[in-house]
Amino acid sequence: MAGLVFLGRLGDLAGAAEIAMPMARTTALAVVMDRLPPALIAGLRSPKVRVAVNGELVPAEQPLDALMIADADEIAFLPPVSGG
């Protein structure tokens, strides 16, 4: 199972800080995201949200449709950081 981790306000949208997503094979992240609630998908697709796979940030310019994830991967969604 892939683990989807939602940090900050994204956890509020998801209703949990982490969701385990069963996967039968390597799949595009965009396909996995399509199984999530629509409000959460909209939040995750914000250009300001960053994605990390197994602790490594994915380049912002890489389309989610091209990002392949496998069973046991950890995918973290990081909202924009604010503060002073």
N, C-alpha and C. Protein backbone atom coordinates (compact mmCIF):
# COMPACT_ATOMS: atom_id res chain seq x y z
N MET A 1 0.82 -1.18 0.00
CA MET A 1 0.00 0.00 0.00
C MET A 1 0.87 1.24 0.00
N ALA A 2 0.52 2.20 -0.81
CA ALA A 2 1.20 3.48 -0.81
C ALA A 2 0.61 4.32 0.31
N GLY A 3 1.45 5.08 0.96
CA GLY A 3 0.99 5.97 2.02
C GLY A 3 0.93 7.40 1.52
N LEU A 4 -0.24 8.01 1.61
CA LEU A 4 -0.40 9.40 1.23
C LEU A 4 -0.38 10.21 2.52
N VAL A 5 0.52 11.17 2.62
CA VAL A 5 0.68 11.98 3.83
C VAL A 5 0.29 13.42 3.48
N PHE A 6 -0.59 13.98 4.30
CA PHE A 6 -1.09 15.33 4.07
C PHE A 6 -0.65 16.23 5.21
N LEU A 7 0.16 17.22 4.90
CA LEU A 7 0.69 18.12 5.93
C LEU A 7 -0.15 19.40 5.99
N GLY A 8 -0.16 20.03 7.16
CA GLY A 8 -0.84 21.30 7.35
C GLY A 8 -2.32 21.24 7.03
N ARG A 9 -2.80 22.26 6.37
CA ARG A 9 -4.24 22.37 6.06
C ARG A 9 -4.72 21.25 5.14
N LEU A 10 -3.80 20.62 4.43
CA LEU A 10 -4.20 19.52 3.54
C LEU A 10 -4.71 18.33 4.35
N GLY A 11 -4.18 18.14 5.56
CA GLY A 11 -4.69 17.11 6.45
C GLY A 11 -6.12 17.38 6.84
N ASP A 12 -6.46 18.66 7.02
CA ASP A 12 -7.84 19.03 7.33
C ASP A 12 -8.76 18.69 6.16
N LEU A 13 -8.32 18.99 4.95
CA LEU A 13 -9.12 18.66 3.76
C LEU A 13 -9.30 17.15 3.60
N ALA A 14 -8.24 16.41 3.93
CA ALA A 14 -8.28 14.95 3.78
C ALA A 14 -9.07 14.28 4.90
N GLY A 15 -9.18 14.96 6.03
CA GLY A 15 -9.84 14.36 7.19
C GLY A 15 -8.92 13.44 7.97
N ALA A 16 -7.65 13.40 7.58
CA ALA A 16 -6.64 12.57 8.26
C ALA A 16 -5.27 13.03 7.79
N ALA A 17 -4.28 12.80 8.62
CA ALA A 17 -2.91 13.17 8.25
C ALA A 17 -2.31 12.18 7.26
N GLU A 18 -2.85 10.97 7.24
CA GLU A 18 -2.29 9.94 6.36
C GLU A 18 -3.39 8.98 5.93
N ILE A 19 -3.30 8.55 4.67
CA ILE A 19 -4.24 7.58 4.11
C ILE A 19 -3.42 6.48 3.44
N ALA A 20 -3.75 5.24 3.71
CA ALA A 20 -3.11 4.11 3.01
C ALA A 20 -3.94 3.82 1.76
N MET A 21 -3.27 3.78 0.61
CA MET A 21 -3.95 3.58 -0.66
C MET A 21 -3.50 2.26 -1.27
N PRO A 22 -4.41 1.27 -1.36
CA PRO A 22 -4.01 0.00 -1.97
C PRO A 22 -3.70 0.17 -3.46
N MET A 23 -2.63 -0.50 -3.89
CA MET A 23 -2.22 -0.43 -5.28
C MET A 23 -1.83 -1.82 -5.77
N ALA A 24 -2.31 -2.17 -6.93
CA ALA A 24 -1.99 -3.47 -7.50
C ALA A 24 -0.70 -3.43 -8.32
N ARG A 25 -0.36 -2.25 -8.84
CA ARG A 25 0.83 -2.11 -9.69
C ARG A 25 1.29 -0.67 -9.67
N THR A 26 2.43 -0.41 -10.28
CA THR A 26 2.94 0.96 -10.39
C THR A 26 1.92 1.79 -11.17
N THR A 27 1.61 2.96 -10.63
CA THR A 27 0.53 3.78 -11.17
C THR A 27 0.93 5.25 -11.16
N ALA A 28 0.39 6.01 -12.09
CA ALA A 28 0.62 7.46 -12.10
C ALA A 28 -0.05 8.07 -10.87
N LEU A 29 0.63 9.01 -10.25
CA LEU A 29 0.08 9.67 -9.07
C LEU A 29 -1.27 10.31 -9.38
N ALA A 30 -1.42 10.87 -10.55
CA ALA A 30 -2.69 11.51 -10.92
C ALA A 30 -3.84 10.52 -10.88
N VAL A 31 -3.61 9.27 -11.26
CA VAL A 31 -4.66 8.24 -11.22
C VAL A 31 -5.02 7.91 -9.78
N VAL A 32 -4.01 7.83 -8.91
CA VAL A 32 -4.26 7.57 -7.49
C VAL A 32 -5.05 8.73 -6.88
N MET A 33 -4.66 9.95 -7.21
CA MET A 33 -5.36 11.12 -6.68
C MET A 33 -6.81 11.17 -7.11
N ASP A 34 -7.12 10.66 -8.29
CA ASP A 34 -8.51 10.68 -8.77
C ASP A 34 -9.44 9.86 -7.89
N ARG A 35 -8.89 9.00 -7.02
CA ARG A 35 -9.72 8.21 -6.10
C ARG A 35 -10.04 8.96 -4.81
N LEU A 36 -9.52 10.17 -4.68
CA LEU A 36 -9.73 10.97 -3.47
C LEU A 36 -10.95 11.88 -3.64
N PRO A 37 -11.47 12.43 -2.53
CA PRO A 37 -12.63 13.33 -2.62
C PRO A 37 -12.31 14.57 -3.47
N PRO A 38 -13.29 15.08 -4.21
CA PRO A 38 -13.05 16.21 -5.12
C PRO A 38 -12.46 17.45 -4.44
N ALA A 39 -12.90 17.81 -3.24
CA ALA A 39 -12.36 18.99 -2.57
C ALA A 39 -10.88 18.81 -2.25
N LEU A 40 -10.50 17.60 -1.90
CA LEU A 40 -9.09 17.31 -1.60
C LEU A 40 -8.26 17.36 -2.88
N ILE A 41 -8.79 16.80 -3.95
CA ILE A 41 -8.08 16.83 -5.23
C ILE A 41 -7.80 18.27 -5.64
N ALA A 42 -8.80 19.13 -5.50
CA ALA A 42 -8.62 20.54 -5.87
C ALA A 42 -7.51 21.17 -5.04
N GLY A 43 -7.47 20.88 -3.76
CA GLY A 43 -6.42 21.42 -2.90
C GLY A 43 -5.05 20.89 -3.26
N LEU A 44 -4.97 19.62 -3.60
CA LEU A 44 -3.68 19.00 -3.95
C LEU A 44 -3.14 19.48 -5.29
N ARG A 45 -4.03 19.86 -6.18
CA ARG A 45 -3.61 20.29 -7.52
C ARG A 45 -3.20 21.76 -7.57
N SER A 46 -3.24 22.45 -6.43
CA SER A 46 -2.78 23.83 -6.39
C SER A 46 -1.31 23.88 -6.82
N PRO A 47 -0.95 24.86 -7.64
CA PRO A 47 0.45 24.94 -8.07
C PRO A 47 1.42 25.23 -6.91
N LYS A 48 0.90 25.66 -5.77
CA LYS A 48 1.75 25.96 -4.63
C LYS A 48 2.01 24.74 -3.75
N VAL A 49 1.27 23.65 -3.97
CA VAL A 49 1.48 22.42 -3.19
C VAL A 49 2.64 21.66 -3.79
N ARG A 50 3.59 21.27 -2.94
CA ARG A 50 4.74 20.48 -3.38
C ARG A 50 4.51 19.01 -3.03
N VAL A 51 5.16 18.14 -3.77
CA VAL A 51 5.03 16.70 -3.56
C VAL A 51 6.41 16.13 -3.29
N ALA A 52 6.48 15.21 -2.33
CA ALA A 52 7.71 14.48 -2.05
C ALA A 52 7.40 12.99 -2.12
N VAL A 53 8.27 12.24 -2.76
CA VAL A 53 8.12 10.78 -2.84
C VAL A 53 9.29 10.16 -2.09
N ASN A 54 8.96 9.38 -1.08
CA ASN A 54 9.98 8.74 -0.25
C ASN A 54 11.01 9.74 0.27
N GLY A 55 10.52 10.92 0.68
CA GLY A 55 11.38 11.92 1.28
C GLY A 55 12.11 12.84 0.32
N GLU A 56 11.94 12.65 -0.98
CA GLU A 56 12.62 13.50 -1.95
C GLU A 56 11.61 14.38 -2.68
N LEU A 57 11.85 15.71 -2.65
CA LEU A 57 10.95 16.63 -3.34
C LEU A 57 10.95 16.38 -4.84
N VAL A 58 9.77 16.40 -5.40
CA VAL A 58 9.60 16.26 -6.84
C VAL A 58 9.72 17.66 -7.44
N PRO A 59 10.45 17.84 -8.53
CA PRO A 59 10.54 19.16 -9.15
C PRO A 59 9.15 19.72 -9.45
N ALA A 60 8.97 20.99 -9.15
CA ALA A 60 7.65 21.63 -9.31
C ALA A 60 7.15 21.54 -10.75
N GLU A 61 8.05 21.51 -11.70
CA GLU A 61 7.63 21.49 -13.11
C GLU A 61 7.23 20.09 -13.60
N GLN A 62 7.48 19.06 -12.82
CA GLN A 62 7.13 17.70 -13.25
C GLN A 62 5.62 17.49 -13.12
N PRO A 63 4.94 17.14 -14.21
CA PRO A 63 3.50 16.91 -14.14
C PRO A 63 3.18 15.66 -13.32
N LEU A 64 2.11 15.73 -12.53
CA LEU A 64 1.72 14.60 -11.70
C LEU A 64 1.33 13.39 -12.55
N ASP A 65 0.85 13.64 -13.78
CA ASP A 65 0.48 12.53 -14.67
C ASP A 65 1.70 11.68 -15.01
N ALA A 66 2.89 12.27 -14.98
CA ALA A 66 4.12 11.56 -15.34
C ALA A 66 4.82 10.94 -14.13
N LEU A 67 4.35 11.24 -12.93
CA LEU A 67 4.99 10.74 -11.72
C LEU A 67 4.43 9.36 -11.37
N MET A 68 5.27 8.35 -11.49
CA MET A 68 4.84 6.98 -11.23
C MET A 68 5.18 6.60 -9.79
N ILE A 69 4.21 5.99 -9.11
CA ILE A 69 4.44 5.54 -7.74
C ILE A 69 4.16 4.05 -7.65
N ALA A 70 4.83 3.43 -6.71
CA ALA A 70 4.71 1.98 -6.53
C ALA A 70 4.17 1.67 -5.14
N ASP A 71 3.74 0.44 -4.97
CA ASP A 71 3.30 -0.03 -3.67
C ASP A 71 4.42 0.20 -2.67
N ALA A 72 4.07 0.65 -1.48
CA ALA A 72 5.00 0.92 -0.38
C ALA A 72 5.70 2.28 -0.49
N ASP A 73 5.44 3.06 -1.54
CA ASP A 73 5.98 4.42 -1.60
C ASP A 73 5.23 5.31 -0.62
N GLU A 74 5.93 6.32 -0.12
CA GLU A 74 5.28 7.35 0.71
C GLU A 74 5.25 8.63 -0.10
N ILE A 75 4.04 9.16 -0.28
CA ILE A 75 3.86 10.38 -1.04
C ILE A 75 3.36 11.44 -0.07
N ALA A 76 4.13 12.50 0.09
CA ALA A 76 3.76 13.58 1.00
C ALA A 76 3.37 14.81 0.19
N PHE A 77 2.29 15.44 0.61
CA PHE A 77 1.81 16.67 -0.01
C PHE A 77 2.08 17.81 0.97
N LEU A 78 2.85 18.79 0.53
CA LEU A 78 3.28 19.89 1.40
C LEU A 78 2.63 21.19 0.94
N PRO A 79 1.83 21.80 1.83
CA PRO A 79 1.20 23.06 1.46
C PRO A 79 2.23 24.19 1.48
N PRO A 80 1.86 25.35 0.92
CA PRO A 80 2.77 26.47 0.99
C PRO A 80 3.05 26.85 2.45
N VAL A 81 4.26 27.28 2.71
CA VAL A 81 4.63 27.67 4.07
C VAL A 81 4.39 29.17 4.21
N SER A 82 3.79 29.53 5.33
CA SER A 82 3.60 30.95 5.62
C SER A 82 4.08 31.23 7.02
N GLY A 83 4.25 32.45 7.32
CA GLY A 83 4.68 32.81 8.67
C GLY A 83 5.67 33.94 8.64
N GLY A 84 6.19 34.24 9.82
CA GLY A 84 7.07 35.39 9.88
C GLY A 84 8.33 35.15 10.60
